[in-house]
Amino acid sequence: MAEEYAEEDFLQLSGLQHFIYCRRQWALIHLEGQWKDNLWTVEGSWLHRRAHDPQQTERRGEMLICRDLRIHSRRLGVSGACDVVEFQASLCGVALSGQAGTWKPVPVEYKRGRPKEHDADRLQLCAQAMCLEEMLACSIPVGFLYYGEPRRREKVELTADLRGRVEQALEEMHRLDRRGYTPVVRPSAACRGCSLREECLPQAGNRSVERYLAEYLKEETT
């Protein structure tokens, strides 16, 4: 990974989740600017609007709760926002502007539905923590995912494996971004829940998916 990215080369941190879910979906949204809502995206946006309300910043005893906290990493080449960061009073924490004492940051990401089998949510949370670590010069070993359907938190250990996978995914995202390339992927069950399902294969027509992809790949290699 590059030592440091220029600000104009930053990618959206939120795109990491799209990329893990489907590389083609990420490219359609973030490289081609395509977007279409469905039930799941609307529910997710509603949940995030509540979490991102800056008027809800509050102090609860030994905890300072900040919403919609803007973050970035020059090493990873990303920028974005945390839904919630809970700063817990701690002797081994970091100093915060305008606040007495020292504080330990813990990112909390809000998601619709239930915990998922894939790691897209955990990787996005890990990337947020890595940005905070770079900005605040601290270590963040854990974070939390809050799921709207069960209305409970899932503790996530931010392991070396997760961090390595974040770096690997972002490296590939930057390569595709530099090329402006939208990759072809094999259709899967995940396609059924994608809001861009119709936009993804607009030229397929009456052709089979297999034939369309074969022709698409042939065009890309010629």
C-alpha atoms as a PDB file:
ATOM      1  CA  MET A   1       0.000   0.000   0.000  1.00  0.00           C
ATOM      2  CA  ALA A   2       1.219   3.515  -0.825  1.00  0.00           C
ATOM      3  CA  GLU A   3       2.856   5.440   1.989  1.00  0.00           C
ATOM      4  CA  GLU A   4       0.296   8.242   1.668  1.00  0.00           C
ATOM      5  CA  TYR A   5      -2.528   9.113  -0.723  1.00  0.00           C
ATOM      6  CA  ALA A   6      -3.286  12.635  -1.882  1.00  0.00           C
ATOM      7  CA  GLU A   7      -6.661  13.937  -0.769  1.00  0.00           C
ATOM      8  CA  GLU A   8      -7.987  14.021  -4.338  1.00  0.00           C
ATOM      9  CA  ASP A   9      -7.367  10.261  -4.556  1.00  0.00           C
ATOM     10  CA  PHE A  10      -9.397   9.411  -1.445  1.00  0.00           C
ATOM     11  CA  LEU A  11     -12.156   6.835  -1.881  1.00  0.00           C
ATOM     12  CA  GLN A  12     -15.420   6.827   0.063  1.00  0.00           C
ATOM     13  CA  LEU A  13     -15.026   4.638   3.120  1.00  0.00           C
ATOM     14  CA  SER A  14     -18.667   3.555   2.841  1.00  0.00           C
ATOM     15  CA  GLY A  15     -17.793   1.985  -0.507  1.00  0.00           C
ATOM     16  CA  LEU A  16     -15.770  -0.726   1.234  1.00  0.00           C
ATOM     17  CA  GLN A  17     -18.964  -2.481   2.305  1.00  0.00           C
ATOM     18  CA  HIS A  18     -20.300  -2.343  -1.269  1.00  0.00           C
ATOM     19  CA  PHE A  19     -17.005  -3.697  -2.579  1.00  0.00           C
ATOM     20  CA  ILE A  20     -16.970  -6.666  -0.188  1.00  0.00           C
ATOM     21  CA  TYR A  21     -20.600  -7.439  -1.028  1.00  0.00           C
ATOM     22  CA  CYS A  22     -19.974  -7.172  -4.779  1.00  0.00           C
ATOM     23  CA  ARG A  23     -17.082  -5.565  -6.666  1.00  0.00           C
ATOM     24  CA  ARG A  24     -19.324  -4.779  -9.605  1.00  0.00           C
ATOM     25  CA  GLN A  25     -21.934  -3.098  -7.392  1.00  0.00           C
ATOM     26  CA  TRP A  26     -19.197  -0.909  -5.890  1.00  0.00           C
ATOM     27  CA  ALA A  27     -17.961   0.143  -9.331  1.00  0.00           C
ATOM     28  CA  LEU A  28     -21.464   0.890 -10.621  1.00  0.00           C
ATOM     29  CA  ILE A  29     -22.128   3.151  -7.626  1.00  0.00           C
ATOM     30  CA  HIS A  30     -18.749   4.753  -7.011  1.00  0.00           C
ATOM     31  CA  LEU A  31     -17.178   4.786 -10.482  1.00  0.00           C
ATOM     32  CA  GLU A  32     -20.235   5.132 -12.724  1.00  0.00           C
ATOM     33  CA  GLY A  33     -22.481   7.063 -10.333  1.00  0.00           C
ATOM     34  CA  GLN A  34     -25.451   4.695 -10.608  1.00  0.00           C
ATOM     35  CA  TRP A  35     -27.866   4.265  -7.702  1.00  0.00           C
ATOM     36  CA  LYS A  36     -31.380   2.986  -7.136  1.00  0.00           C
ATOM     37  CA  ASP A  37     -33.207   2.524  -3.835  1.00  0.00           C
ATOM     38  CA  ASN A  38     -35.056  -0.564  -2.730  1.00  0.00           C
ATOM     39  CA  LEU A  39     -36.692  -1.496   0.589  1.00  0.00           C
ATOM     40  CA  TRP A  40     -33.381  -2.440   2.196  1.00  0.00           C
ATOM     41  CA  THR A  41     -31.530   0.728   1.183  1.00  0.00           C
ATOM     42  CA  VAL A  42     -34.426   2.925   2.361  1.00  0.00           C
ATOM     43  CA  GLU A  43     -34.526   1.189   5.740  1.00  0.00           C
ATOM     44  CA  GLY A  44     -30.754   1.509   6.033  1.00  0.00           C
ATOM     45  CA  SER A  45     -30.859   5.234   5.192  1.00  0.00           C
ATOM     46  CA  TRP A  46     -33.541   5.837   7.823  1.00  0.00           C
ATOM     47  CA  LEU A  47     -31.498   4.081  10.489  1.00  0.00           C
ATOM     48  CA  HIS A  48     -28.375   6.036   9.544  1.00  0.00           C
ATOM     49  CA  ARG A  49     -30.208   9.381   9.604  1.00  0.00           C
ATOM     50  CA  ARG A  50     -31.035   8.794  13.250  1.00  0.00           C
ATOM     51  CA  ALA A  51     -27.464   7.812  14.077  1.00  0.00           C
ATOM     52  CA  HIS A  52     -25.991  10.755  12.126  1.00  0.00           C
ATOM     53  CA  ASP A  53     -28.103  13.475  13.749  1.00  0.00           C
ATOM     54  CA  PRO A  54     -25.438  15.926  14.991  1.00  0.00           C
ATOM     55  CA  GLN A  55     -27.918  17.396  17.451  1.00  0.00           C
ATOM     56  CA  GLN A  56     -27.796  14.152  19.438  1.00  0.00           C
ATOM     57  CA  THR A  57     -24.191  14.584  20.579  1.00  0.00           C
ATOM     58  CA  GLU A  58     -24.321  14.008  24.296  1.00  0.00           C
ATOM     59  CA  ARG A  59     -22.476  13.268  27.495  1.00  0.00           C
ATOM     60  CA  ARG A  60     -23.478  10.296  29.632  1.00  0.00           C
ATOM     61  CA  GLY A  61     -21.447  10.205  32.797  1.00  0.00           C
ATOM     62  CA  GLU A  62     -18.006   8.919  31.857  1.00  0.00           C
ATOM     63  CA  MET A  63     -18.891   8.646  28.168  1.00  0.00           C
ATOM     64  CA  LEU A  64     -18.958  11.259  25.414  1.00  0.00           C
ATOM     65  CA  ILE A  65     -21.083  10.223  22.420  1.00  0.00           C
ATOM     66  CA  CYS A  66     -20.285  11.841  19.050  1.00  0.00           C
ATOM     67  CA  ARG A  67     -22.383  11.267  15.933  1.00  0.00           C
ATOM     68  CA  ASP A  68     -21.479  11.755  12.274  1.00  0.00           C
ATOM     69  CA  LEU A  69     -17.788  12.139  13.126  1.00  0.00           C
ATOM     70  CA  ARG A  70     -15.779  12.864   9.963  1.00  0.00           C
ATOM     71  CA  ILE A  71     -12.740  10.656   9.541  1.00  0.00           C
ATOM     72  CA  HIS A  72     -10.004   9.937   6.994  1.00  0.00           C
ATOM     73  CA  SER A  73      -6.768   8.042   6.479  1.00  0.00           C
ATOM     74  CA  ARG A  74      -3.971   9.189   4.188  1.00  0.00           C
ATOM     75  CA  ARG A  75      -2.343   5.773   4.472  1.00  0.00           C
ATOM     76  CA  LEU A  76      -5.484   3.924   3.354  1.00  0.00           C
ATOM     77  CA  GLY A  77      -6.657   6.686   1.014  1.00  0.00           C
ATOM     78  CA  VAL A  78     -10.233   6.888   2.313  1.00  0.00           C
ATOM     79  CA  SER A  79     -12.553   9.369   3.977  1.00  0.00           C
ATOM     80  CA  GLY A  80     -16.031   9.186   5.429  1.00  0.00           C
ATOM     81  CA  ALA A  81     -17.948   9.364   8.679  1.00  0.00           C
ATOM     82  CA  CYS A  82     -18.603   7.185  11.702  1.00  0.00           C
ATOM     83  CA  ASP A  83     -22.232   6.704  12.684  1.00  0.00           C
ATOM     84  CA  VAL A  84     -21.285   6.940  16.362  1.00  0.00           C
ATOM     85  CA  VAL A  85     -18.031   7.108  18.280  1.00  0.00           C
ATOM     86  CA  GLU A  86     -18.257   6.556  22.021  1.00  0.00           C
ATOM     87  CA  PHE A  87     -15.372   8.186  23.847  1.00  0.00           C
ATOM     88  CA  GLN A  88     -14.988   6.459  27.212  1.00  0.00           C
ATOM     89  CA  ALA A  89     -13.070   8.206  29.981  1.00  0.00           C
ATOM     90  CA  SER A  90      -9.796   6.324  30.436  1.00  0.00           C
ATOM     91  CA  LEU A  91      -6.370   6.995  31.920  1.00  0.00           C
ATOM     92  CA  CYS A  92      -4.840   5.347  28.814  1.00  0.00           C
ATOM     93  CA  GLY A  93      -6.989   7.340  26.381  1.00  0.00           C
ATOM     94  CA  VAL A  94      -6.286  10.370  24.195  1.00  0.00           C
ATOM     95  CA  ALA A  95      -6.843  14.087  24.771  1.00  0.00           C
ATOM     96  CA  LEU A  96      -9.807  15.694  22.985  1.00  0.00           C
ATOM     97  CA  SER A  97     -10.134  19.359  22.129  1.00  0.00           C
ATOM     98  CA  GLY A  98     -12.413  21.146  24.592  1.00  0.00           C
ATOM     99  CA  GLN A  99     -12.647  18.139  26.920  1.00  0.00           C
ATOM    100  CA  ALA A 100     -10.851  17.571  30.205  1.00  0.00           C
ATOM    101  CA  GLY A 101      -9.113  14.252  30.824  1.00  0.00           C
ATOM    102  CA  THR A 102      -8.338  11.518  28.330  1.00  0.00           C
ATOM    103  CA  TRP A 103     -10.734   9.358  26.323  1.00  0.00           C
ATOM    104  CA  LYS A 104     -10.750   5.950  24.665  1.00  0.00           C
ATOM    105  CA  PRO A 105     -12.588   5.890  21.286  1.00  0.00           C
ATOM    106  CA  VAL A 106     -14.933   3.012  20.371  1.00  0.00           C
ATOM    107  CA  PRO A 107     -16.670   3.140  16.946  1.00  0.00           C
ATOM    108  CA  VAL A 108     -20.271   1.943  16.653  1.00  0.00           C
ATOM    109  CA  GLU A 109     -21.745   1.295  13.193  1.00  0.00           C
ATOM    110  CA  TYR A 110     -25.525   1.056  12.689  1.00  0.00           C
ATOM    111  CA  LYS A 111     -26.936  -1.525  10.268  1.00  0.00           C
ATOM    112  CA  ARG A 112     -30.403  -2.579   9.209  1.00  0.00           C
ATOM    113  CA  GLY A 113     -31.607  -6.150   9.596  1.00  0.00           C
ATOM    114  CA  ARG A 114     -29.702  -8.933  11.278  1.00  0.00           C
ATOM    115  CA  PRO A 115     -26.015  -9.883  11.584  1.00  0.00           C
ATOM    116  CA  LYS A 116     -24.734 -11.218   8.271  1.00  0.00           C
ATOM    117  CA  GLU A 117     -22.717 -14.281   7.352  1.00  0.00           C
ATOM    118  CA  HIS A 118     -20.221 -12.288   5.284  1.00  0.00           C
ATOM    119  CA  ASP A 119     -17.774  -9.804   6.817  1.00  0.00           C
ATOM    120  CA  ALA A 120     -18.686  -6.620   4.916  1.00  0.00           C
ATOM    121  CA  ASP A 121     -20.027  -4.881   8.029  1.00  0.00           C
ATOM    122  CA  ARG A 122     -17.094  -5.943  10.188  1.00  0.00           C
ATOM    123  CA  LEU A 123     -14.566  -4.815   7.598  1.00  0.00           C
ATOM    124  CA  GLN A 124     -16.224  -1.404   7.267  1.00  0.00           C
ATOM    125  CA  LEU A 125     -16.150  -1.005  11.057  1.00  0.00           C
ATOM    126  CA  CYS A 126     -12.502  -2.049  11.120  1.00  0.00           C
ATOM    127  CA  ALA A 127     -11.640   0.529   8.457  1.00  0.00           C
ATOM    128  CA  GLN A 128     -13.328   3.221  10.555  1.00  0.00           C
ATOM    129  CA  ALA A 129     -11.234   2.212  13.556  1.00  0.00           C
ATOM    130  CA  MET A 130      -8.054   2.298  11.463  1.00  0.00           C
ATOM    131  CA  CYS A 131      -8.882   5.855  10.376  1.00  0.00           C
ATOM    132  CA  LEU A 132      -9.494   6.910  13.974  1.00  0.00           C
ATOM    133  CA  GLU A 133      -6.238   5.299  15.060  1.00  0.00           C
ATOM    134  CA  GLU A 134      -4.308   7.294  12.457  1.00  0.00           C
ATOM    135  CA  MET A 135      -6.059  10.563  13.309  1.00  0.00           C
ATOM    136  CA  LEU A 136      -5.834  10.233  17.084  1.00  0.00           C
ATOM    137  CA  ALA A 137      -2.544   8.279  17.337  1.00  0.00           C
ATOM    138  CA  CYS A 138      -4.117   5.557  19.451  1.00  0.00           C
ATOM    139  CA  SER A 139      -5.043   1.878  19.408  1.00  0.00           C
ATOM    140  CA  ILE A 140      -8.640   0.653  19.030  1.00  0.00           C
ATOM    141  CA  PRO A 141      -8.937  -3.098  19.660  1.00  0.00           C
ATOM    142  CA  VAL A 142     -12.759  -3.429  19.511  1.00  0.00           C
ATOM    143  CA  GLY A 143     -15.825  -1.817  17.990  1.00  0.00           C
ATOM    144  CA  PHE A 144     -19.539  -2.574  17.836  1.00  0.00           C
ATOM    145  CA  LEU A 145     -22.171  -3.212  15.161  1.00  0.00           C
ATOM    146  CA  TYR A 146     -25.730  -2.289  16.091  1.00  0.00           C
ATOM    147  CA  TYR A 147     -28.374  -4.174  14.104  1.00  0.00           C
ATOM    148  CA  GLY A 148     -31.834  -2.644  13.772  1.00  0.00           C
ATOM    149  CA  GLU A 149     -33.940  -5.800  13.666  1.00  0.00           C
ATOM    150  CA  PRO A 150     -32.754  -7.516  16.865  1.00  0.00           C
ATOM    151  CA  ARG A 151     -31.868  -4.076  18.323  1.00  0.00           C
ATOM    152  CA  ARG A 152     -28.691  -5.259  19.925  1.00  0.00           C
ATOM    153  CA  ARG A 153     -24.972  -4.810  19.570  1.00  0.00           C
ATOM    154  CA  GLU A 154     -22.415  -7.226  18.258  1.00  0.00           C
ATOM    155  CA  LYS A 155     -18.900  -6.834  19.641  1.00  0.00           C
ATOM    156  CA  VAL A 156     -16.216  -7.021  16.965  1.00  0.00           C
ATOM    157  CA  GLU A 157     -12.594  -7.803  17.759  1.00  0.00           C
ATOM    158  CA  LEU A 158     -10.516  -5.752  15.324  1.00  0.00           C
ATOM    159  CA  THR A 159      -7.964  -8.448  14.624  1.00  0.00           C
ATOM    160  CA  ALA A 160      -4.846  -8.428  12.476  1.00  0.00           C
ATOM    161  CA  ASP A 161      -6.739 -10.586   9.966  1.00  0.00           C
ATOM    162  CA  LEU A 162      -9.543  -8.034   9.581  1.00  0.00           C
ATOM    163  CA  ARG A 163      -7.032  -5.207   9.241  1.00  0.00           C
ATOM    164  CA  GLY A 164      -5.087  -7.071   6.572  1.00  0.00           C
ATOM    165  CA  ARG A 165      -8.269  -7.747   4.607  1.00  0.00           C
ATOM    166  CA  VAL A 166      -9.228  -4.059   4.811  1.00  0.00           C
ATOM    167  CA  GLU A 167      -5.860  -3.075   3.351  1.00  0.00           C
ATOM    168  CA  GLN A 168      -6.051  -5.724   0.632  1.00  0.00           C
ATOM    169  CA  ALA A 169      -9.571  -4.672  -0.415  1.00  0.00           C
ATOM    170  CA  LEU A 170      -8.676  -0.978  -0.483  1.00  0.00           C
ATOM    171  CA  GLU A 171      -5.594  -1.652  -2.578  1.00  0.00           C
ATOM    172  CA  GLU A 172      -7.778  -3.378  -5.180  1.00  0.00           C
ATOM    173  CA  MET A 173     -10.362  -0.581  -5.007  1.00  0.00           C
ATOM    174  CA  HIS A 174      -7.672   2.015  -5.700  1.00  0.00           C
ATOM    175  CA  ARG A 175      -6.377  -0.020  -8.663  1.00  0.00           C
ATOM    176  CA  LEU A 176      -9.863  -0.241 -10.180  1.00  0.00           C
ATOM    177  CA  ASP A 177     -10.469   3.447  -9.470  1.00  0.00           C
ATOM    178  CA  ARG A 178      -7.275   4.465 -11.274  1.00  0.00           C
ATOM    179  CA  ARG A 179      -8.318   2.386 -14.295  1.00  0.00           C
ATOM    180  CA  GLY A 180     -11.953   3.482 -14.116  1.00  0.00           C
ATOM    181  CA  TYR A 181     -12.802  -0.168 -14.602  1.00  0.00           C
ATOM    182  CA  THR A 182     -16.106  -1.850 -13.732  1.00  0.00           C
ATOM    183  CA  PRO A 183     -15.374  -5.565 -13.174  1.00  0.00           C
ATOM    184  CA  VAL A 184     -17.546  -8.441 -14.342  1.00  0.00           C
ATOM    185  CA  VAL A 185     -18.662 -10.874 -11.645  1.00  0.00           C
ATOM    186  CA  ARG A 186     -20.470 -14.189 -11.650  1.00  0.00           C
ATOM    187  CA  PRO A 187     -24.184 -13.824 -10.780  1.00  0.00           C
ATOM    188  CA  SER A 188     -25.026 -15.197  -7.324  1.00  0.00           C
ATOM    189  CA  ALA A 189     -27.818 -15.299  -4.750  1.00  0.00           C
ATOM    190  CA  ALA A 190     -26.677 -11.866  -3.553  1.00  0.00           C
ATOM    191  CA  CYS A 191     -27.948 -10.378  -6.823  1.00  0.00           C
ATOM    192  CA  ARG A 192     -31.556 -10.875  -5.705  1.00  0.00           C
ATOM    193  CA  GLY A 193     -31.221  -8.267  -2.961  1.00  0.00           C
ATOM    194  CA  CYS A 194     -29.221  -5.746  -4.992  1.00  0.00           C
ATOM    195  CA  SER A 195     -30.955  -2.442  -5.793  1.00  0.00           C
ATOM    196  CA  LEU A 196     -28.919  -2.247  -9.027  1.00  0.00           C
ATOM    197  CA  ARG A 197     -29.967  -5.634 -10.328  1.00  0.00           C
ATOM    198  CA  GLU A 198     -31.685  -4.199 -13.415  1.00  0.00           C
ATOM    199  CA  GLU A 199     -28.897  -1.700 -14.113  1.00  0.00           C
ATOM    200  CA  CYS A 200     -26.166  -4.303 -13.684  1.00  0.00           C
ATOM    201  CA  LEU A 201     -26.981  -6.288 -16.861  1.00  0.00           C
ATOM    202  CA  PRO A 202     -28.937  -3.801 -18.971  1.00  0.00           C
ATOM    203  CA  GLN A 203     -27.715  -5.235 -22.276  1.00  0.00           C
ATOM    204  CA  ALA A 204     -28.485  -8.870 -21.557  1.00  0.00           C
ATOM    205  CA  GLY A 205     -31.941  -8.735 -23.191  1.00  0.00           C
ATOM    206  CA  ASN A 206     -33.069 -12.228 -24.098  1.00  0.00           C
ATOM    207  CA  ARG A 207     -29.576 -13.630 -23.942  1.00  0.00           C
ATOM    208  CA  SER A 208     -28.604 -15.952 -21.123  1.00  0.00           C
ATOM    209  CA  VAL A 209     -26.450 -14.460 -18.405  1.00  0.00           C
ATOM    210  CA  GLU A 210     -23.667 -16.882 -19.333  1.00  0.00           C
ATOM    211  CA  ARG A 211     -23.715 -15.740 -22.979  1.00  0.00           C
ATOM    212  CA  TYR A 212     -23.833 -12.070 -22.013  1.00  0.00           C
ATOM    213  CA  LEU A 213     -20.866 -12.405 -19.674  1.00  0.00           C
ATOM    214  CA  ALA A 214     -18.878 -14.343 -22.275  1.00  0.00           C
ATOM    215  CA  GLU A 215     -19.446 -11.587 -24.840  1.00  0.00           C
ATOM    216  CA  TYR A 216     -18.664  -8.886 -22.266  1.00  0.00           C
ATOM    217  CA  LEU A 217     -15.379 -10.546 -21.338  1.00  0.00           C
ATOM    218  CA  LYS A 218     -14.466 -10.918 -25.011  1.00  0.00           C
ATOM    219  CA  GLU A 219     -15.021  -7.181 -25.535  1.00  0.00           C
ATOM    220  CA  GLU A 220     -12.864  -6.302 -22.511  1.00  0.00           C
ATOM    221  CA  THR A 221      -9.925  -8.397 -23.757  1.00  0.00           C
ATOM    222  CA  THR A 222      -9.950  -7.127 -27.351  1.00  0.00           C
END
